[in-house]
Every structure is written in structure tokens, then in C-alpha cells.
Amino acid sequence: MKKVAVQKGLGPIKNHLENEGFKVKEFDNRKKSAKNYLDKFDAVVITGESKDVMGIEDTLTNASIINADGMSAEDVKNELDREMT
């Protein structure tokens, strides 16, 4: 099962991914720089508005980072399918 961390505030995306069979965990700013936390996931979905604030780009993680800004829940799922194959 694909494990995905979804930033708090992306509830519709979280719900859609769960319905599509992903194991989804929501995270907030306190978890953003915790490498050990993010490494538990195959991918991390973030909001575009927090891209720089969260410092995700500076976090060393093996997980794929998906910026959900301007994307529908189905777009995010399709991107995850491409990244995780």
C-alpha cells in the first residue's frame, strides 16, 4: 500500500487518496522538518502557499514531494501514480 503524507488543509485530497486505496496521514508545520517522520512515506503532498515556509525543499527525504497548488484531488492522485511507479 502506498503511504502518503498530506499537509493539513488539504482535506479533499486526503479523502480522495484514502478512497483510492492510499494510506494517508495528515501532517502540520511541526512535522515538516522531521526527516525521520517524512521518511516513513512514499510521497509528501504540500500546499503551494507553504512551499517556501515549510522548507520542504531543504528537508532531506527519500519521499517524492508533490505541490498540490492548482491541482484537483484526481490530478494529485495521477501525479502520485506517476511518481511511485
N, C-alpha and C. Protein backbone atom coordinates (compact mmCIF):
# COMPACT_ATOMS: atom_id res chain seq x y z
N MET A 1 0.85 -1.18 0.00
CA MET A 1 0.00 0.00 0.00
C MET A 1 0.89 1.24 0.00
N LYS A 2 0.55 2.20 -0.82
CA LYS A 2 1.32 3.43 -0.93
C LYS A 2 1.00 4.33 0.26
N LYS A 3 2.04 4.82 0.93
CA LYS A 3 1.87 5.69 2.09
C LYS A 3 2.19 7.13 1.70
N VAL A 4 1.25 8.04 2.00
CA VAL A 4 1.37 9.44 1.60
C VAL A 4 1.10 10.34 2.80
N ALA A 5 1.96 11.33 2.99
CA ALA A 5 1.73 12.38 3.99
C ALA A 5 1.11 13.57 3.27
N VAL A 6 0.00 14.06 3.80
CA VAL A 6 -0.71 15.18 3.19
C VAL A 6 -0.75 16.32 4.21
N GLN A 7 -0.33 17.50 3.77
CA GLN A 7 -0.31 18.66 4.66
C GLN A 7 -1.71 19.01 5.11
N LYS A 8 -1.84 19.39 6.37
CA LYS A 8 -3.12 19.82 6.94
C LYS A 8 -3.68 20.94 6.07
N GLY A 9 -4.96 20.90 5.81
CA GLY A 9 -5.61 21.89 4.97
C GLY A 9 -5.96 21.36 3.59
N LEU A 10 -5.53 20.14 3.30
CA LEU A 10 -5.82 19.51 2.01
C LEU A 10 -6.79 18.34 2.19
N GLY A 11 -7.83 18.58 2.98
CA GLY A 11 -8.79 17.53 3.31
C GLY A 11 -9.41 16.82 2.12
N PRO A 12 -9.86 17.54 1.09
CA PRO A 12 -10.45 16.84 -0.06
C PRO A 12 -9.45 15.90 -0.75
N ILE A 13 -8.20 16.32 -0.81
CA ILE A 13 -7.17 15.46 -1.42
C ILE A 13 -6.93 14.25 -0.53
N LYS A 14 -6.83 14.48 0.77
CA LYS A 14 -6.63 13.38 1.72
C LYS A 14 -7.75 12.35 1.58
N ASN A 15 -9.00 12.82 1.57
CA ASN A 15 -10.15 11.92 1.46
C ASN A 15 -10.15 11.15 0.15
N HIS A 16 -9.83 11.83 -0.94
CA HIS A 16 -9.82 11.18 -2.25
C HIS A 16 -8.75 10.09 -2.30
N LEU A 17 -7.57 10.40 -1.79
CA LEU A 17 -6.49 9.41 -1.82
C LEU A 17 -6.84 8.19 -0.96
N GLU A 18 -7.46 8.42 0.18
CA GLU A 18 -7.89 7.30 1.03
C GLU A 18 -8.90 6.43 0.29
N ASN A 19 -9.83 7.07 -0.41
CA ASN A 19 -10.84 6.32 -1.18
C ASN A 19 -10.22 5.55 -2.34
N GLU A 20 -9.06 6.00 -2.81
CA GLU A 20 -8.36 5.34 -3.92
C GLU A 20 -7.38 4.27 -3.43
N GLY A 21 -7.35 4.03 -2.12
CA GLY A 21 -6.53 2.95 -1.59
C GLY A 21 -5.18 3.33 -1.04
N PHE A 22 -4.89 4.62 -0.95
CA PHE A 22 -3.64 5.07 -0.36
C PHE A 22 -3.77 5.08 1.16
N LYS A 23 -2.67 4.83 1.85
CA LYS A 23 -2.63 5.02 3.30
C LYS A 23 -2.17 6.45 3.51
N VAL A 24 -3.02 7.30 4.09
CA VAL A 24 -2.75 8.73 4.17
C VAL A 24 -2.68 9.18 5.62
N LYS A 25 -1.68 10.00 5.90
CA LYS A 25 -1.52 10.62 7.22
C LYS A 25 -1.39 12.11 7.01
N GLU A 26 -2.10 12.88 7.81
CA GLU A 26 -2.04 14.34 7.73
C GLU A 26 -0.89 14.84 8.61
N PHE A 27 -0.20 15.88 8.15
CA PHE A 27 0.88 16.47 8.95
C PHE A 27 0.75 17.98 8.97
N ASP A 28 1.39 18.61 9.96
CA ASP A 28 1.37 20.06 10.05
C ASP A 28 2.80 20.58 10.13
N ASN A 29 2.95 21.89 10.37
CA ASN A 29 4.27 22.53 10.35
C ASN A 29 5.24 21.94 11.36
N ARG A 30 4.74 21.37 12.44
CA ARG A 30 5.65 20.80 13.44
C ARG A 30 6.38 19.58 12.92
N LYS A 31 5.81 18.91 11.95
CA LYS A 31 6.42 17.69 11.41
C LYS A 31 7.27 17.95 10.18
N LYS A 32 7.18 19.17 9.64
CA LYS A 32 7.78 19.47 8.34
C LYS A 32 9.28 19.24 8.24
N SER A 33 10.01 19.45 9.29
CA SER A 33 11.46 19.29 9.18
C SER A 33 11.94 18.01 9.84
N ALA A 34 11.04 17.17 10.24
CA ALA A 34 11.42 15.92 10.89
C ALA A 34 11.68 14.86 9.82
N LYS A 35 12.94 14.73 9.45
CA LYS A 35 13.31 13.79 8.39
C LYS A 35 12.79 12.39 8.70
N ASN A 36 12.95 11.96 9.92
CA ASN A 36 12.50 10.61 10.27
C ASN A 36 11.01 10.45 10.04
N TYR A 37 10.24 11.49 10.29
CA TYR A 37 8.80 11.43 10.07
C TYR A 37 8.49 11.31 8.58
N LEU A 38 9.08 12.17 7.77
CA LEU A 38 8.78 12.17 6.34
C LEU A 38 9.29 10.92 5.63
N ASP A 39 10.35 10.33 6.14
CA ASP A 39 10.90 9.12 5.50
C ASP A 39 9.99 7.91 5.64
N LYS A 40 8.97 8.01 6.45
CA LYS A 40 8.01 6.91 6.60
C LYS A 40 7.07 6.81 5.40
N PHE A 41 7.11 7.81 4.53
CA PHE A 41 6.14 7.91 3.44
C PHE A 41 6.81 7.77 2.08
N ASP A 42 6.01 7.32 1.12
CA ASP A 42 6.48 7.24 -0.27
C ASP A 42 6.42 8.60 -0.94
N ALA A 43 5.50 9.45 -0.47
CA ALA A 43 5.34 10.78 -1.06
C ALA A 43 4.77 11.74 -0.02
N VAL A 44 5.01 13.04 -0.26
CA VAL A 44 4.51 14.10 0.61
C VAL A 44 3.79 15.10 -0.28
N VAL A 45 2.53 15.42 0.07
CA VAL A 45 1.73 16.39 -0.69
C VAL A 45 1.64 17.66 0.14
N ILE A 46 2.05 18.78 -0.47
CA ILE A 46 2.05 20.07 0.23
C ILE A 46 1.20 21.08 -0.53
N THR A 47 0.79 22.14 0.18
CA THR A 47 0.09 23.24 -0.47
C THR A 47 1.14 24.17 -1.07
N GLY A 48 0.82 24.80 -2.16
CA GLY A 48 1.75 25.70 -2.82
C GLY A 48 2.10 26.91 -1.97
N GLU A 49 1.14 27.38 -1.18
CA GLU A 49 1.37 28.58 -0.38
C GLU A 49 2.41 28.36 0.70
N SER A 50 2.65 27.12 1.07
CA SER A 50 3.58 26.87 2.16
C SER A 50 4.90 26.30 1.67
N LYS A 51 5.10 26.24 0.39
CA LYS A 51 6.29 25.60 -0.18
C LYS A 51 7.57 26.14 0.44
N ASP A 52 7.73 27.46 0.46
CA ASP A 52 8.95 28.06 1.00
C ASP A 52 8.93 28.10 2.53
N VAL A 53 7.78 28.39 3.09
CA VAL A 53 7.67 28.48 4.54
C VAL A 53 7.98 27.15 5.20
N MET A 54 7.50 26.07 4.60
CA MET A 54 7.68 24.75 5.19
C MET A 54 9.12 24.28 5.09
N GLY A 55 9.87 24.78 4.13
CA GLY A 55 11.25 24.35 4.00
C GLY A 55 11.38 22.92 3.51
N ILE A 56 10.35 22.42 2.86
CA ILE A 56 10.37 21.04 2.38
C ILE A 56 11.53 20.81 1.43
N GLU A 57 11.84 21.79 0.61
CA GLU A 57 12.91 21.62 -0.36
C GLU A 57 14.26 21.40 0.31
N ASP A 58 14.40 21.94 1.51
CA ASP A 58 15.66 21.77 2.23
C ASP A 58 15.70 20.50 3.07
N THR A 59 14.55 19.85 3.22
CA THR A 59 14.48 18.65 4.02
C THR A 59 14.99 17.48 3.21
N LEU A 60 15.90 16.74 3.78
CA LEU A 60 16.42 15.57 3.11
C LEU A 60 15.47 14.40 3.37
N THR A 61 14.80 13.97 2.33
CA THR A 61 13.89 12.84 2.44
C THR A 61 13.90 12.08 1.14
N ASN A 62 13.62 10.81 1.23
CA ASN A 62 13.53 9.99 0.03
C ASN A 62 12.16 10.06 -0.61
N ALA A 63 11.21 10.68 0.06
CA ALA A 63 9.84 10.76 -0.44
C ALA A 63 9.74 11.77 -1.58
N SER A 64 8.87 11.47 -2.53
CA SER A 64 8.56 12.42 -3.59
C SER A 64 7.76 13.56 -2.99
N ILE A 65 8.02 14.79 -3.45
CA ILE A 65 7.29 15.96 -2.97
C ILE A 65 6.35 16.41 -4.08
N ILE A 66 5.06 16.47 -3.78
CA ILE A 66 4.05 16.90 -4.74
C ILE A 66 3.46 18.23 -4.26
N ASN A 67 3.58 19.27 -5.08
CA ASN A 67 2.99 20.57 -4.79
C ASN A 67 1.58 20.56 -5.37
N ALA A 68 0.57 20.55 -4.50
CA ALA A 68 -0.82 20.42 -4.93
C ALA A 68 -1.45 21.74 -5.38
N ASP A 69 -0.68 22.81 -5.42
CA ASP A 69 -1.23 24.12 -5.80
C ASP A 69 -1.85 24.05 -7.19
N GLY A 70 -3.14 24.38 -7.28
CA GLY A 70 -3.84 24.40 -8.56
C GLY A 70 -4.24 23.04 -9.09
N MET A 71 -4.05 22.00 -8.30
CA MET A 71 -4.37 20.65 -8.75
C MET A 71 -5.65 20.15 -8.09
N SER A 72 -6.41 19.37 -8.83
CA SER A 72 -7.58 18.71 -8.25
C SER A 72 -7.08 17.47 -7.50
N ALA A 73 -7.97 16.88 -6.72
CA ALA A 73 -7.62 15.66 -6.00
C ALA A 73 -7.22 14.55 -6.97
N GLU A 74 -7.92 14.46 -8.10
CA GLU A 74 -7.60 13.44 -9.10
C GLU A 74 -6.24 13.73 -9.75
N ASP A 75 -5.93 15.01 -9.98
CA ASP A 75 -4.61 15.37 -10.53
C ASP A 75 -3.50 14.91 -9.59
N VAL A 76 -3.70 15.13 -8.30
CA VAL A 76 -2.69 14.72 -7.31
C VAL A 76 -2.53 13.20 -7.33
N LYS A 77 -3.64 12.49 -7.37
CA LYS A 77 -3.58 11.02 -7.43
C LYS A 77 -2.80 10.56 -8.66
N ASN A 78 -3.11 11.16 -9.82
CA ASN A 78 -2.41 10.78 -11.05
C ASN A 78 -0.92 11.08 -10.96
N GLU A 79 -0.56 12.21 -10.36
CA GLU A 79 0.85 12.56 -10.19
C GLU A 79 1.53 11.55 -9.26
N LEU A 80 0.85 11.18 -8.19
CA LEU A 80 1.40 10.17 -7.28
C LEU A 80 1.60 8.84 -7.99
N ASP A 81 0.64 8.44 -8.81
CA ASP A 81 0.78 7.20 -9.57
C ASP A 81 2.01 7.25 -10.48
N ARG A 82 2.25 8.40 -11.11
CA ARG A 82 3.42 8.54 -11.98
C ARG A 82 4.73 8.50 -11.17
N GLU A 83 4.74 9.19 -10.04
CA GLU A 83 5.95 9.29 -9.22
C GLU A 83 6.31 7.97 -8.55
N MET A 84 5.30 7.17 -8.25
CA MET A 84 5.51 5.99 -7.42
C MET A 84 5.53 4.69 -8.21
N THR A 85 5.70 4.78 -9.53
CA THR A 85 5.75 3.55 -10.32
C THR A 85 7.16 3.15 -10.63
